[in-house]
């Protein structure tokens, strides 16, 4: 820990808060910004996934009822699909396809 602290202070000119340091084993995951980061891959946090599906369904209903435009719906859907590009989200993309809300460009 001393070597790490020296490197951070001397090379990076930063200071670590003594009560906010958490050293973990490599194989344990890190929950960060809606993703679970594991040693060899990244997955979407379950809560984030649930929230994403809920919002997609809500926006699709709004689109069907004419409350939002097709362009607006497609933009929000593309945004969610973009989130999935940063993780192992292939199965989630398949589930979105099965919902029948495929984007049209």
Foldseek 3Di string as FASTA:
>chain_A
DVVVQCCCCPVVVDHDDPVPDDDDDQQAWDDDDQWTDGNPFIGGDPVSLVVLVVVLVVLVVCCVVVVDDLVVSLVSVVVVVVVCVRGVCPVSVVVVVVVVSDRDD
